[in-house]
Structures are given as structure tokens and as C-alpha cells.
Protein backbone atom coordinates (compact mmCIF):
# COMPACT_ATOMS: atom_id res chain seq x y z
CA UNK A 1 5.30 -6.73 -27.34
CA UNK A 2 4.13 -6.81 -23.77
CA UNK A 3 4.85 -5.42 -20.34
CA UNK A 4 7.14 -7.75 -18.37
CA UNK A 5 9.05 -8.61 -21.56
CA UNK A 6 11.21 -11.39 -20.26
CA UNK A 7 14.09 -11.21 -22.65
CA UNK A 8 15.10 -8.29 -20.44
CA UNK A 9 15.63 -10.67 -17.54
CA UNK A 10 19.36 -10.12 -17.92
CA UNK A 11 18.93 -6.64 -16.46
CA UNK A 12 17.40 -8.20 -13.36
CA UNK A 13 20.33 -10.57 -13.13
CA UNK A 14 22.70 -7.66 -13.50
CA UNK A 15 21.27 -6.22 -10.35
CA UNK A 16 22.32 -9.27 -8.36
CA UNK A 17 25.81 -7.84 -8.48
CA UNK A 18 24.99 -4.43 -7.06
CA UNK A 19 26.79 -5.43 -3.89
CA UNK A 20 30.03 -4.72 -5.72
CA UNK A 21 28.86 -1.60 -7.57
CA UNK A 22 30.95 1.48 -6.92
CA UNK A 23 29.16 4.28 -8.72
CA UNK A 24 26.46 6.77 -7.77
CA UNK A 25 24.19 5.47 -5.05
CA UNK A 26 20.92 7.26 -4.49
CA UNK A 27 18.48 5.07 -2.61
CA UNK A 28 14.81 4.96 -3.41
CA UNK A 29 14.35 3.45 0.01
CA UNK A 30 15.51 6.49 1.95
CA UNK A 31 15.55 9.16 -0.76
CA UNK A 32 18.77 10.53 0.68
CA UNK A 33 21.41 12.43 -1.28
CA UNK A 34 23.97 10.16 -2.87
CA UNK A 35 26.95 9.38 -0.71
CA UNK A 36 29.86 11.47 -1.90
CA UNK A 37 33.13 9.68 -1.21
CA UNK A 38 34.99 10.90 1.86
CA UNK A 39 38.30 12.38 0.83
CA UNK A 40 41.49 11.40 2.60
CA UNK A 41 45.16 11.09 1.86
CA UNK A 42 45.44 7.87 -0.11
CA UNK A 43 47.96 6.51 -2.50
CA UNK A 44 45.53 4.20 -4.29
CA UNK A 45 44.56 5.35 -7.78
CA UNK A 46 41.07 6.68 -8.05
CA UNK A 47 38.12 6.16 -10.30
CA UNK A 48 36.00 9.17 -11.13
CA UNK A 49 33.95 8.72 -7.96
CA UNK A 50 36.90 9.04 -5.59
CA UNK A 51 39.18 11.70 -7.05
CA UNK A 52 39.79 13.62 -10.23
CA UNK A 53 43.59 13.49 -10.20
CA UNK A 54 45.85 10.51 -10.91
CA UNK A 55 47.35 8.93 -7.83
CA UNK A 56 50.68 7.47 -6.83
CA UNK A 57 51.60 3.79 -7.34
CA UNK A 58 49.13 1.38 -5.83
CA UNK A 59 51.59 -0.60 -3.75
CA UNK A 60 52.60 2.27 -1.47
CA UNK A 61 49.67 2.03 0.95
CA UNK A 62 50.72 0.14 4.06
CA UNK A 63 48.51 -2.85 4.79
CA UNK A 64 48.24 -3.31 8.54
CA UNK A 65 47.27 -6.70 9.93
CA UNK A 66 44.25 -6.52 12.18
CA UNK A 67 43.44 -9.34 14.56
CA UNK A 68 39.87 -10.16 15.42
CA UNK A 69 38.84 -10.63 19.04
CA UNK A 70 39.14 -14.34 19.72
CA UNK A 71 35.63 -14.51 21.16
CA UNK A 72 33.93 -12.82 18.22
CA UNK A 73 31.65 -14.94 16.06
CA UNK A 74 30.65 -14.14 12.52
CA UNK A 75 27.06 -12.87 12.72
CA UNK A 76 24.46 -13.86 10.17
CA UNK A 77 24.18 -11.50 7.25
CA UNK A 78 21.41 -8.96 8.00
CA UNK A 79 18.22 -9.59 6.11
CA UNK A 80 19.04 -13.18 5.18
CA UNK A 81 18.63 -15.04 8.46
CA UNK A 82 15.22 -16.39 9.44
CA UNK A 83 13.91 -14.61 12.48
CA UNK A 84 10.63 -13.74 14.13
CA UNK A 85 9.67 -11.28 16.83
CA UNK A 86 7.85 -8.04 17.45
CA UNK A 87 9.01 -4.51 16.60
CA UNK A 88 11.27 -4.19 19.65
CA UNK A 89 13.33 -7.15 18.45
CA UNK A 90 13.33 -5.91 14.84
CA UNK A 91 14.68 -2.55 16.01
CA UNK A 92 17.51 -4.32 17.78
CA UNK A 93 18.36 -6.09 14.53
CA UNK A 94 17.93 -2.75 12.68
CA UNK A 95 16.12 -4.27 9.73
CA UNK A 96 12.43 -4.59 8.91
CA UNK A 97 11.85 -6.75 5.84
CA UNK A 98 8.87 -5.92 3.65
CA UNK A 99 7.60 -8.81 1.52
CA UNK A 100 5.98 -7.93 -1.79
CA UNK A 101 5.62 -9.19 -5.36
CA UNK A 102 7.52 -7.89 -8.36
CA UNK A 103 5.80 -5.93 -11.12
CA UNK A 104 5.84 -2.55 -12.87
CA UNK A 105 4.31 0.24 -10.84
CA UNK A 106 4.15 -1.91 -7.72
CA UNK A 107 7.84 -2.74 -7.32
CA UNK A 108 10.11 -2.82 -10.36
CA UNK A 109 13.60 -2.01 -11.51
CA UNK A 110 14.39 1.31 -13.12
CA UNK A 111 17.89 2.66 -13.69
CA UNK A 112 19.23 -0.19 -11.59
CA UNK A 113 17.13 0.71 -8.54
CA UNK A 114 13.88 -0.36 -6.94
CA UNK A 115 10.96 1.87 -7.89
CA UNK A 116 7.22 1.89 -7.49
CA UNK A 117 4.56 2.29 -4.82
CA UNK A 118 6.07 -0.30 -2.49
CA UNK A 119 9.58 1.17 -2.79
CA UNK A 120 8.31 4.61 -1.85
CA UNK A 121 6.10 3.27 0.93
CA UNK A 122 9.15 1.44 2.30
CA UNK A 123 11.04 4.75 2.34
CA UNK A 124 8.26 6.47 4.23
CA UNK A 125 7.80 3.57 6.64
CA UNK A 126 11.54 3.58 7.37
CA UNK A 127 11.35 7.27 8.26
CA UNK A 128 8.33 6.52 10.44
CA UNK A 129 10.23 3.76 12.27
CA UNK A 130 13.16 6.07 12.97
CA UNK A 131 11.35 9.26 13.92
CA UNK A 132 11.35 8.52 17.66
CA UNK A 133 14.73 6.81 17.85
CA UNK A 134 17.83 8.59 19.08
CA UNK A 135 20.48 6.63 17.24
CA UNK A 136 21.85 9.42 15.07
CA UNK A 137 23.62 7.71 12.16
CA UNK A 138 22.62 4.14 13.06
CA UNK A 139 19.10 3.70 11.71
CA UNK A 140 16.54 0.97 11.39
CA UNK A 141 16.36 0.10 7.70
CA UNK A 142 13.64 -1.38 5.56
CA UNK A 143 14.42 -3.97 2.90
CA UNK A 144 11.91 -4.82 0.17
CA UNK A 145 12.02 -8.54 -0.65
CA UNK A 146 9.92 -9.68 -3.63
CA UNK A 147 8.67 -13.27 -3.64
CA UNK A 148 6.03 -15.22 -5.54
CA UNK A 149 2.55 -14.29 -4.39
CA UNK A 150 1.87 -17.78 -3.08
CA UNK A 151 4.99 -17.44 -0.92
CA UNK A 152 4.02 -14.19 0.82
CA UNK A 153 2.36 -15.72 3.88
CA UNK A 154 4.68 -18.78 4.09
CA UNK A 155 7.73 -16.48 3.96
CA UNK A 156 6.25 -14.28 6.68
CA UNK A 157 5.48 -17.21 8.97
CA UNK A 158 8.87 -18.76 8.27
CA UNK A 159 10.66 -15.61 9.43
CA UNK A 160 11.97 -14.60 5.99
CA UNK A 161 10.10 -11.30 6.18
CA UNK A 162 8.38 -9.17 8.81
CA UNK A 163 5.43 -7.50 7.07
CA UNK A 164 3.59 -8.05 3.80
CA UNK A 165 2.71 -5.10 1.59
CA UNK A 166 1.38 -6.55 -1.65
CA UNK A 167 -2.30 -5.72 -2.05
CA UNK A 168 -3.27 -8.70 0.12
CA UNK A 169 -7.05 -8.91 0.50
CA UNK A 170 -8.41 -9.37 4.01
CA UNK A 171 -10.27 -12.69 4.17
CA UNK A 172 -11.53 -14.79 7.11
CA UNK A 173 -9.20 -17.64 6.17
CA UNK A 174 -6.16 -15.39 6.19
CA UNK A 175 -7.22 -13.70 9.40
CA UNK A 176 -6.88 -17.07 11.07
CA UNK A 177 -3.21 -17.21 10.05
CA UNK A 178 -1.89 -13.64 10.21
CA UNK A 179 -2.80 -10.30 11.73
CA UNK A 180 -3.88 -7.53 9.36
CA UNK A 181 -3.35 -3.81 9.70
CA UNK A 182 -6.14 -1.32 9.26
CA UNK A 183 -7.30 -1.36 5.61
CA UNK A 184 -4.78 0.17 3.22
CA UNK A 185 -7.16 0.52 0.28
CA UNK A 186 -10.60 1.73 -0.56
CA UNK A 187 -13.27 -0.97 -1.18
CA UNK A 188 -12.44 -3.16 -4.19
CA UNK A 189 -14.49 -5.50 -6.39
CA UNK A 190 -13.36 -8.84 -7.81
CA UNK A 191 -14.80 -9.22 -11.31
CA UNK A 192 -14.64 -11.55 -14.31
CA UNK A 193 -12.61 -10.48 -17.33
CA UNK A 194 -13.20 -12.29 -20.61
CA UNK A 195 -11.26 -12.56 -23.85
CA UNK A 196 -11.71 -13.61 -27.48
CA UNK A 197 -11.96 -17.34 -26.65
CA UNK A 198 -14.73 -16.93 -24.05
CA UNK A 199 -18.27 -18.18 -24.58
CA UNK A 200 -21.22 -16.03 -23.58
CA UNK A 201 -21.60 -15.59 -19.81
CA UNK A 202 -24.63 -13.68 -18.52
CA UNK A 203 -24.52 -14.46 -14.81
CA UNK A 204 -22.01 -15.96 -12.40
CA UNK A 205 -24.20 -19.06 -12.29
CA UNK A 206 -23.44 -19.61 -16.00
CA UNK A 207 -19.95 -20.66 -14.88
CA UNK A 208 -21.47 -23.84 -13.43
CA UNK A 209 -19.57 -26.84 -14.79
CA UNK A 210 -16.95 -24.63 -16.41
CA UNK A 211 -13.31 -24.11 -15.46
CA UNK A 212 -11.65 -21.06 -13.98
CA UNK A 213 -7.90 -20.67 -13.56
CA UNK A 214 -6.66 -19.51 -10.16
CA UNK A 215 -3.57 -19.48 -8.00
CA UNK A 216 -3.93 -21.74 -4.98
CA UNK A 217 -3.28 -18.90 -2.54
CA UNK A 218 -5.43 -16.18 -4.13
CA UNK A 219 -8.42 -14.59 -2.44
CA UNK A 220 -10.27 -15.26 -5.71
CA UNK A 221 -10.27 -18.94 -4.85
CA UNK A 222 -12.27 -18.26 -1.68
CA UNK A 223 -14.74 -16.25 -3.78
CA UNK A 224 -15.21 -19.14 -6.23
CA UNK A 225 -15.64 -21.59 -3.37
CA UNK A 226 -18.36 -19.32 -1.98
CA UNK A 227 -20.04 -19.38 -5.42
CA UNK A 228 -19.78 -23.17 -5.43
CA UNK A 229 -21.61 -23.32 -2.12
CA UNK A 230 -24.48 -21.35 -3.67
CA UNK A 231 -24.46 -23.60 -6.74
CA UNK A 232 -24.56 -26.72 -4.57
CA UNK A 233 -27.58 -25.37 -2.70
CA UNK A 234 -29.27 -24.85 -6.07
CA UNK A 235 -28.37 -28.37 -7.18
CA UNK A 236 -26.04 -27.11 -9.93
CA UNK A 237 -22.59 -28.38 -10.87
CA UNK A 238 -19.69 -26.56 -9.23
CA UNK A 239 -17.19 -24.35 -11.01
CA UNK A 240 -14.06 -26.38 -11.66
CA UNK A 241 -10.86 -24.77 -10.38
CA UNK A 242 -7.67 -25.27 -12.35
CA UNK A 243 -4.66 -24.35 -10.23
CA UNK A 244 -2.14 -22.03 -11.85
CA UNK A 245 1.51 -21.63 -10.77
CA UNK A 246 2.01 -19.21 -7.90
CA UNK A 247 4.78 -17.55 -9.93
CA UNK A 248 2.17 -16.05 -12.25
CA UNK A 249 0.66 -12.70 -11.34
CA UNK A 250 -2.76 -11.33 -12.25
CA UNK A 251 -1.03 -9.38 -15.01
CA UNK A 252 0.10 -12.67 -16.59
CA UNK A 253 -3.40 -14.14 -16.42
CA UNK A 254 -4.86 -10.96 -17.95
CA UNK A 255 -2.34 -11.27 -20.76
CA UNK A 256 -3.28 -14.92 -21.33
CA UNK A 257 -6.96 -13.98 -21.55
CA UNK A 258 -6.15 -11.22 -24.04
CA UNK A 259 -4.21 -13.71 -26.19
CA UNK A 260 -7.01 -16.28 -26.11
CA UNK A 261 -4.99 -18.78 -24.08
CA UNK A 262 -7.58 -18.57 -21.29
CA UNK A 263 -11.27 -17.73 -21.79
CA UNK A 264 -11.49 -15.67 -18.61
CA UNK A 265 -9.89 -14.74 -15.32
CA UNK A 266 -10.95 -13.21 -12.00
CA UNK A 267 -9.12 -10.03 -11.01
CA UNK A 268 -9.47 -6.92 -8.89
CA UNK A 269 -11.30 -4.43 -11.09
CA UNK A 270 -8.69 -1.68 -10.87
CA UNK A 271 -5.98 -3.92 -12.37
CA UNK A 272 -7.62 -3.82 -15.78
CA UNK A 273 -7.18 -0.05 -15.88
CA UNK A 274 -3.42 -0.54 -15.81
CA UNK A 275 -3.42 -2.22 -19.21
CA UNK A 276 -5.82 0.08 -21.00
CA UNK A 277 -4.40 0.59 -24.50
CA UNK A 278 -1.99 -2.36 -24.12
CA UNK A 279 -4.37 -5.35 -24.12
CA UNK A 280 -7.27 -4.50 -26.39
CA UNK A 281 -9.14 -7.82 -26.62
CA UNK A 282 -10.42 -7.84 -23.05
CA UNK A 283 -13.93 -7.27 -21.76
CA UNK A 284 -14.23 -6.18 -18.14
CA UNK A 285 -17.45 -7.73 -16.83
CA UNK A 286 -18.08 -5.32 -13.99
CA UNK A 287 -21.62 -6.74 -13.84
CA UNK A 288 -20.20 -10.11 -12.71
CA UNK A 289 -18.85 -9.47 -9.21
CA UNK A 290 -17.40 -12.29 -7.10
CA UNK A 291 -16.53 -10.20 -4.05
CA UNK A 292 -17.79 -6.68 -3.44
CA UNK A 293 -16.10 -4.15 -1.20
CA UNK A 294 -12.98 -6.17 -0.41
CA UNK A 295 -10.18 -4.34 1.40
CA UNK A 296 -6.45 -4.86 1.21
CA UNK A 297 -4.05 -4.41 4.13
CA UNK A 298 -0.55 -5.05 5.34
CA UNK A 299 -0.04 -8.32 7.21
CA UNK A 300 2.25 -9.39 10.02
CA UNK A 301 2.73 -12.45 12.20
CA UNK A 302 0.31 -13.09 15.04
CA UNK A 303 1.33 -11.73 18.44
CA UNK A 304 3.10 -8.65 17.02
CA UNK A 305 1.15 -5.86 18.75
CA UNK A 306 3.98 -3.31 18.62
CA UNK A 307 4.55 -3.82 14.89
CA UNK A 308 0.83 -3.74 14.16
CA UNK A 309 0.42 -0.51 16.12
CA UNK A 310 3.32 1.08 14.22
CA UNK A 311 1.98 -0.04 10.81
CA UNK A 312 -1.53 1.17 11.69
CA UNK A 313 -0.20 4.58 12.73
CA UNK A 314 1.79 4.78 9.50
CA UNK A 315 -1.11 3.77 7.25
CA UNK A 316 -3.46 6.30 8.82
CA UNK A 317 -1.29 8.99 7.22
CA UNK A 318 -0.18 7.18 4.04
CA UNK A 319 -2.85 4.77 2.77
CA UNK A 320 -5.16 5.27 -0.19
CA UNK A 321 -7.32 8.32 0.40
CA UNK A 322 -4.62 10.28 2.21
CA UNK A 323 -2.65 12.97 0.42
CA UNK A 324 0.52 10.86 0.26
CA UNK A 325 -1.37 7.72 -0.76
CA UNK A 326 -3.18 9.55 -3.54
CA UNK A 327 0.07 11.03 -4.85
CA UNK A 328 1.57 7.54 -5.14
CA UNK A 329 -1.54 6.16 -6.81
CA UNK A 330 -1.48 8.96 -9.37
CA UNK A 331 2.24 8.52 -9.96
CA UNK A 332 2.32 4.75 -10.35
CA UNK A 333 -1.21 3.79 -11.36
CA UNK A 334 -2.97 6.57 -13.23
CA UNK A 335 0.02 8.38 -14.78
CA UNK A 336 2.43 5.45 -15.06
CA UNK A 337 3.36 4.40 -18.60
CA UNK A 338 3.06 0.65 -18.02
CA UNK A 339 3.92 -0.47 -21.52
CA UNK A 340 6.88 1.88 -22.01
CA UNK A 341 8.37 0.95 -18.64
CA UNK A 342 8.64 -2.72 -19.55
CA UNK A 343 9.35 -2.52 -23.26
CA UNK A 344 12.66 -0.66 -23.42
CA UNK A 345 15.35 -3.20 -24.30
CA UNK A 346 18.35 -1.00 -25.06
CA UNK A 347 20.05 -1.87 -21.76
CA UNK A 348 19.53 -5.57 -22.34
CA UNK A 349 20.94 -5.32 -25.86
CA UNK A 350 24.14 -3.81 -24.48
CA UNK A 351 24.33 -6.45 -21.79
CA UNK A 352 23.92 -9.19 -24.37
CA UNK A 353 26.72 -7.73 -26.47
CA UNK A 354 29.13 -7.40 -23.53
CA UNK A 355 28.23 -10.46 -21.50
CA UNK A 356 31.05 -12.59 -22.96
CA UNK A 357 33.63 -9.97 -21.92
CA UNK A 358 32.42 -9.91 -18.34
CA UNK A 359 32.49 -13.70 -18.31
CA UNK A 360 35.98 -13.83 -19.81
CA UNK A 361 37.64 -11.43 -17.39
CA UNK A 362 35.46 -12.38 -14.42
CA UNK A 363 36.75 -15.95 -14.74
CA UNK A 364 40.32 -14.72 -15.21
CA UNK A 365 40.30 -12.74 -11.94
CA UNK A 366 37.93 -14.88 -9.89
CA UNK A 367 35.15 -12.29 -9.78
CA UNK A 368 31.53 -13.30 -10.38
CA UNK A 369 30.84 -11.87 -13.80
CA UNK A 370 27.38 -10.62 -12.86
CA UNK A 371 28.95 -8.62 -10.04
CA UNK A 372 31.30 -6.99 -12.52
CA UNK A 373 28.54 -6.45 -15.07
CA UNK A 374 26.38 -4.85 -12.39
CA UNK A 375 29.19 -2.46 -11.58
CA UNK A 376 29.40 -1.50 -15.24
CA UNK A 377 25.65 -1.05 -15.38
CA UNK A 378 25.76 1.18 -12.31
CA UNK A 379 28.66 3.23 -13.66
CA UNK A 380 27.55 3.77 -17.25
CA UNK A 381 24.48 1.70 -18.13
CA UNK A 382 27.07 -0.43 -19.99
CA UNK A 383 27.64 2.40 -22.45
CA UNK A 384 31.24 2.70 -23.66
CA UNK A 385 30.59 6.18 -25.06
CA UNK A 386 30.03 7.69 -21.59
CA UNK A 387 32.65 10.23 -20.44
CA UNK A 388 32.55 12.00 -17.09
CA UNK A 389 33.45 15.62 -16.36
CA UNK A 390 36.58 14.39 -14.55
CA UNK A 391 37.78 12.29 -17.47
CA UNK A 392 36.53 8.82 -16.45
CA UNK A 393 36.03 6.62 -19.49
CA UNK A 394 33.64 4.01 -20.76
CA UNK A 395 31.67 1.14 -19.31
CA UNK A 396 33.66 0.89 -16.07
CA UNK A 397 34.18 4.68 -15.74
CA UNK A 398 37.91 4.47 -15.02
CA UNK A 399 40.38 7.32 -15.09
CA UNK A 400 43.16 6.67 -17.62
CA UNK A 401 45.68 7.20 -14.78
CA UNK A 402 44.10 4.34 -12.83
CA UNK A 403 44.11 1.98 -15.79
CA UNK A 404 47.71 2.78 -16.77
CA UNK A 405 49.13 2.34 -13.24
CA UNK A 406 51.50 -0.63 -13.20
CA UNK A 407 49.24 -2.61 -10.87
CA UNK A 408 46.50 -2.51 -13.49
CA UNK A 409 48.63 -1.88 -16.57
CA UNK A 410 45.89 -1.57 -19.20
CA UNK A 411 46.33 1.91 -20.66
CA UNK A 412 44.01 1.85 -23.67
CA UNK A 413 40.60 1.93 -22.02
CA UNK A 414 38.90 3.85 -24.80
CA UNK A 415 37.97 0.50 -26.39
CA UNK A 416 35.30 -1.54 -24.68
CA UNK A 417 37.22 -4.79 -24.10
CA UNK A 418 40.28 -3.27 -22.40
CA UNK A 419 37.94 -0.98 -20.47
CA UNK A 420 36.07 -3.91 -18.96
CA UNK A 421 39.33 -5.80 -18.45
CA UNK A 422 40.84 -2.87 -16.56
CA UNK A 423 37.78 -2.35 -14.40
CA UNK A 424 37.63 -5.98 -13.29
CA UNK A 425 41.37 -6.12 -12.70
CA UNK A 426 41.22 -2.99 -10.55
CA UNK A 427 38.40 -4.42 -8.45
CA UNK A 428 40.40 -7.61 -8.05
CA UNK A 429 43.34 -5.54 -6.81
CA UNK A 430 41.28 -3.70 -4.19
CA UNK A 431 39.78 -6.90 -2.88
CA UNK A 432 42.99 -8.91 -2.78
CA UNK A 433 45.25 -6.20 -1.38
CA UNK A 434 43.12 -5.01 1.50
CA UNK A 435 40.59 -7.72 2.37
CA UNK A 436 42.04 -11.09 1.37
CA UNK A 437 42.45 -12.39 4.93
CA UNK A 438 40.87 -15.88 4.92
CA UNK A 439 39.13 -15.02 8.20
CA UNK A 440 37.02 -12.45 6.30
CA UNK A 441 34.05 -14.04 4.59
CA UNK A 442 33.54 -13.27 0.88
CA UNK A 443 30.41 -11.32 1.82
CA UNK A 444 32.31 -9.11 4.25
CA UNK A 445 35.21 -8.73 1.85
CA UNK A 446 32.74 -7.07 -0.50
CA UNK A 447 31.13 -4.93 2.23
CA UNK A 448 34.47 -3.76 3.60
CA UNK A 449 35.63 -3.02 0.07
CA UNK A 450 32.56 -0.85 -0.44
CA UNK A 451 33.42 1.05 2.74
CA UNK A 452 37.02 1.45 1.57
CA UNK A 453 35.86 2.68 -1.80
CA UNK A 454 33.77 5.35 -0.17
CA UNK A 455 36.04 6.35 2.71
CA UNK A 456 39.43 5.30 1.32
CA UNK A 457 41.49 2.17 2.09
CA UNK A 458 43.81 3.86 4.59
CA UNK A 459 40.88 5.10 6.62
CA UNK A 460 39.28 1.65 6.47
CA UNK A 461 42.49 0.14 7.88
CA UNK A 462 42.37 2.58 10.79
CA UNK A 463 38.68 1.95 11.43
CA UNK A 464 39.18 -1.80 11.48
CA UNK A 465 42.01 -1.41 13.99
CA UNK A 466 39.83 0.83 16.15
CA UNK A 467 37.01 -1.71 15.94
CA UNK A 468 39.33 -4.42 17.26
CA UNK A 469 40.50 -2.16 20.10
CA UNK A 470 36.88 -1.58 21.15
CA UNK A 471 36.01 -5.27 21.09
CA UNK A 472 34.19 -5.35 17.76
CA UNK A 473 35.03 -7.77 14.98
CA UNK A 474 37.16 -5.93 12.39
CA UNK A 475 36.34 -8.58 9.81
CA UNK A 476 32.60 -7.86 9.89
CA UNK A 477 30.97 -4.72 8.54
CA UNK A 478 27.42 -4.66 9.94
CA UNK A 479 27.17 -3.79 13.63
CA UNK A 480 30.96 -3.89 13.94
CA UNK A 481 33.21 -1.77 11.68
CA UNK A 482 30.03 0.02 10.61
CA UNK A 483 29.64 1.42 14.13
CA UNK A 484 33.15 2.86 14.04
CA UNK A 485 32.45 4.40 10.64
CA UNK A 486 29.33 6.07 12.05
CA UNK A 487 31.36 7.44 14.93
CA UNK A 488 34.38 8.63 12.91
CA UNK A 489 32.77 9.70 9.63
CA UNK A 490 29.06 10.04 10.25
CA UNK A 491 26.19 8.94 8.09
CA UNK A 492 27.92 8.98 4.73
CA UNK A 493 29.80 5.69 4.57
CA UNK A 494 27.26 3.84 6.72
CA UNK A 495 24.48 4.87 4.36
CA UNK A 496 26.54 4.14 1.27
CA UNK A 497 27.23 0.54 2.24
CA UNK A 498 23.74 -0.07 3.62
CA UNK A 499 22.06 1.24 0.47
CA UNK A 500 24.07 -0.98 -1.85
CA UNK A 501 23.64 -3.99 0.40
CA UNK A 502 19.87 -3.50 0.41
CA UNK A 503 19.92 -3.29 -3.37
CA UNK A 504 21.83 -6.55 -3.43
CA UNK A 505 19.35 -8.38 -1.20
CA UNK A 506 16.39 -7.01 -3.11
CA UNK A 507 17.66 -7.67 -6.60
CA UNK A 508 18.91 -11.14 -5.83
CA UNK A 509 15.37 -12.01 -4.81
CA UNK A 510 13.98 -10.22 -7.88
CA UNK A 511 16.21 -12.22 -10.19
CA UNK A 512 15.28 -15.50 -8.51
CA UNK A 513 11.56 -14.73 -8.62
CA UNK A 514 11.58 -13.52 -12.21
CA UNK A 515 13.40 -16.66 -13.37
CA UNK A 516 10.59 -18.73 -11.88
CA UNK A 517 8.03 -16.48 -13.48
CA UNK A 518 9.65 -16.82 -16.90
CA UNK A 519 9.48 -20.59 -16.59
CA UNK A 520 5.82 -20.44 -15.56
CA UNK A 521 4.93 -18.14 -18.46
CA UNK A 522 6.66 -20.41 -20.94
CA UNK A 523 4.90 -23.45 -19.50
CA UNK A 524 1.61 -21.58 -19.93
CA UNK A 525 2.43 -20.84 -23.56
CA UNK A 526 2.58 -17.06 -23.25
CA UNK A 527 6.02 -16.65 -24.78
CA UNK A 528 5.14 -18.79 -27.81
CA UNK A 529 2.24 -16.49 -28.62
CA UNK A 530 3.75 -13.10 -27.93
CA UNK A 531 7.48 -13.29 -28.52
CA UNK A 532 8.66 -12.05 -31.93
């Protein structure tokens, strides 16, 4: 029983499919009210989130062909393309990507959404970025992208992110590679933590000739190398450094020490407080300090003065020691139930029980089963017993009228298998009827379908036609049909699609990173010791 219990990885993988989710959408990133679907005259049957009354036959909506401007090129998907540049260029692209690492309290999944200090800081930083802009409904968005800790700086330099917010300690070596913001934390100490397999250590010099276990990229490595310089001057043997996988976090190393797999580890002192009452075989050696008064900060690429100035101005009002910073620390560090957050496995149990059904019908209709499962998770937490006030039923939260329409034709959705079958078949219908043009990429088919779900398919047809008339590409959502939606509808549909797309980018990275971390933990022997 541990935090980060990895048999719940399926819930992370569920989130990969949030791009196709059609339920409630309240974003942690911008803390805005959920996007209520825009009502219009439509003959497509509705789920609970679009209308409460049964609709007419599905086939009666006219599908109007829309031709793309011949000169239009498919742009790269926002957030995925490698790019560099200062804040002025990021504002033109309308996305600022925040690199972090995944973990409870810091940035984790809860109720299918990103939560934690970094998620809330991203929300506030997004508002900060937009406060002086006059773009009305078209905002600059932040996306939180979790990566392995040893990939934070490489991803930044490679243009896969724009700033790092991950408790990165300011060190001379790092200052030669990246620019740091003003300090985001109070002074921190790096200390030794020992476990049941540790021999007696009275001073740091007692580590001479012994082995410590460190990630290659950690600031702790610089601290040990500084100790080795002192040992060399004294004619003593150096501390041996055993490199650990970058996929492991300090929390994993603390757990290994507690289990006796490692004798000791070097960590920031405050991190031990997080596991008080969870790991009880640890001794925090606050008398053995490797680095005293270290400060963490946000990082950005060199030659980004506008971005650095904006981050500095933001942190002055939001870092540790400010009112907002202290509220977040209390919420996610002091008052956060670390063990309970990671140990609930009810959602995973339901996913495990229903996974074969999503696979079966996903394959039948050519829909990625994790996309469909994510939709079910968003709609009902995969709980067949859920009933809405409007009469929507089960895992996929379908109205009986929708399921019984001849284009779906699965009337008995009160049982879980036909419910999932009907939900996937209905999504297949929406995609194939309105957005099956081969000139529309699969990614944009999903984005346009999300817009149609929120605003209605007939309105989406009209907006795509208007986009073509104005010289935009009607087959592309971002910066094309999206702009028409902002003009015709306002913030609602634009926000709805953007929120879900950001979830998709974030959770896809979470799933990828957590898979690597599971493998690293198993290689280190953690699972063998702690799994039931």
C-alpha cells in the first residue's frame, strides 16, 4: 500500500482519450464555469449534455460539402510542434507550455482532471498572460506537460516546452544552460534520509567510500561532487555515485529507503514531511546537510527577456511567502492527504471490469478503445448505476431516445454492455456523418466533432462554410473554424474544445511518463516488495 500505486495506471491511460470526451468540462487550468452546450435547432438525437428531449431521426440533418481554400496548409497541432522563441512569439501561437513532473500534490490526476500546485499555478499564470491582451474570446492558453525529471531541461531546450515549473534548484551548472526566474521558494536544505538497512553515519565524511544513489540530472549530484572535492583535499576516498533512472522521483527513492532497498537517499528536507505517517521506517538526518539555503525557480531558455520578465512579475505575487503561494502550499502540502489520494482503486477496478467491452466495440467501429473508455470515465466514472436528472443512463450517459433511434438501434441501455455499445456506435455516427472527409485529419475530425457536440452539428456546418468564405481552412479547428466560433458564439465553444484538447495533451504525456516510471520502479524492485 503506497502512494503512486501503479496498478491504477489504467486511469492515467483512460485520460489519453479525453480528446473525445463529451461530458462536463470544468478546467482546472482556467477555473472557468463548465461550457454549457449551445442550443440550436438540430435533428440529431441528444445525450443528456445537449438536450433533455428525444430528437427526430438522425439522417434528416443536411450535410453540406465545404471546400477548403486551395492554398491552405494543415497547421501543426498546437502544443505538439517543437518551437522556440520569446513571449511575443508564444502569444502569437497562443500557447505557453509548462514543463513539470507528475506526482500527487504537485501535478496529479483527480476526477479525470489535472490537479495540484502546478495546475493551479498554470491557471493563475494564464490569467496573468491574458490580463493586458485585448483578444476577447481568443486567449493565450497554458498547457501543463509532465515529463521525466531528467528530461525537463532537454525538453525545454529542444522546444517541447517553454518554461519549467518543477521545483528546479538554482545551481551554477544549470545557470550556464538556462535562465532562471526570481526564486520561487524559501531557502531549502538538502539532507540525508536513512532507512532500516543503513549503517551508522555520524558525519557527511563517513560516506567516504560508500555509494549513494542519484539521478544523473539532480542538483543532489552537484552537492555530492562538492563533497567529493572536500574528501579529495583530505586524502579520503570519494563517495561513489550510482546513477538511478531519470523516471524515478524523490518519492520513489524515499520509498525504496523505507523498504530497505536502499540504505539512504538525498532529498530536499520538506519532501519527507509529505510522507509522515505513510513511510514509518525513515530517519531524517537534518544534521547532515549537503546544500544549505538552496532556492528553486522557474526556468526558461536563454535570450527570453520578455518571458522572464512576465514570469518574474507573476512570481512576485504568487510564489511561496505570498498569500496565494501560502494558500497553495497549505492546500497541497500541509493539508493534502497524500496516501488517500493515491490509494483509491475503485475507478481502476471498474475500468478493469469494462476494458474488454471498450476493446470489443472500439474495434468494431474503428474507435480507439481508450478514447471511448475516457468518454465513459468523463460521463459517469464508468459507473453503470449513474442516472441523470434528464434521464441519461449508465456508463455512457445516453438518453434512451438516442440509443433507440434507428441509426443507433440499441434500445436496452440499462445493461452495461449494450450501454457501452450504444455510446461507441453513436460517437461513430457523429464522426462519420459530419467529419469523414478524407481531407480532414483524424485529429481535426475529433476537434470539430467536439465543437459540433457543444454547438450542434448544423451550426458547425454553417461555421465551417463561413470559415471557408473568409479564407480560413474549414477542415482545421485551431486558429481557423475556432475563430469563427469565437465570433458567432463567443467564449463557450472555444473554451470547451480548448479545455478538452489541453486535457488530451497533458494526459497523453502523463500516461507515457507513468509507464516509464512503472518500468523503472519494477526494475528497482519496488513492486516486488510492496505489491500485495
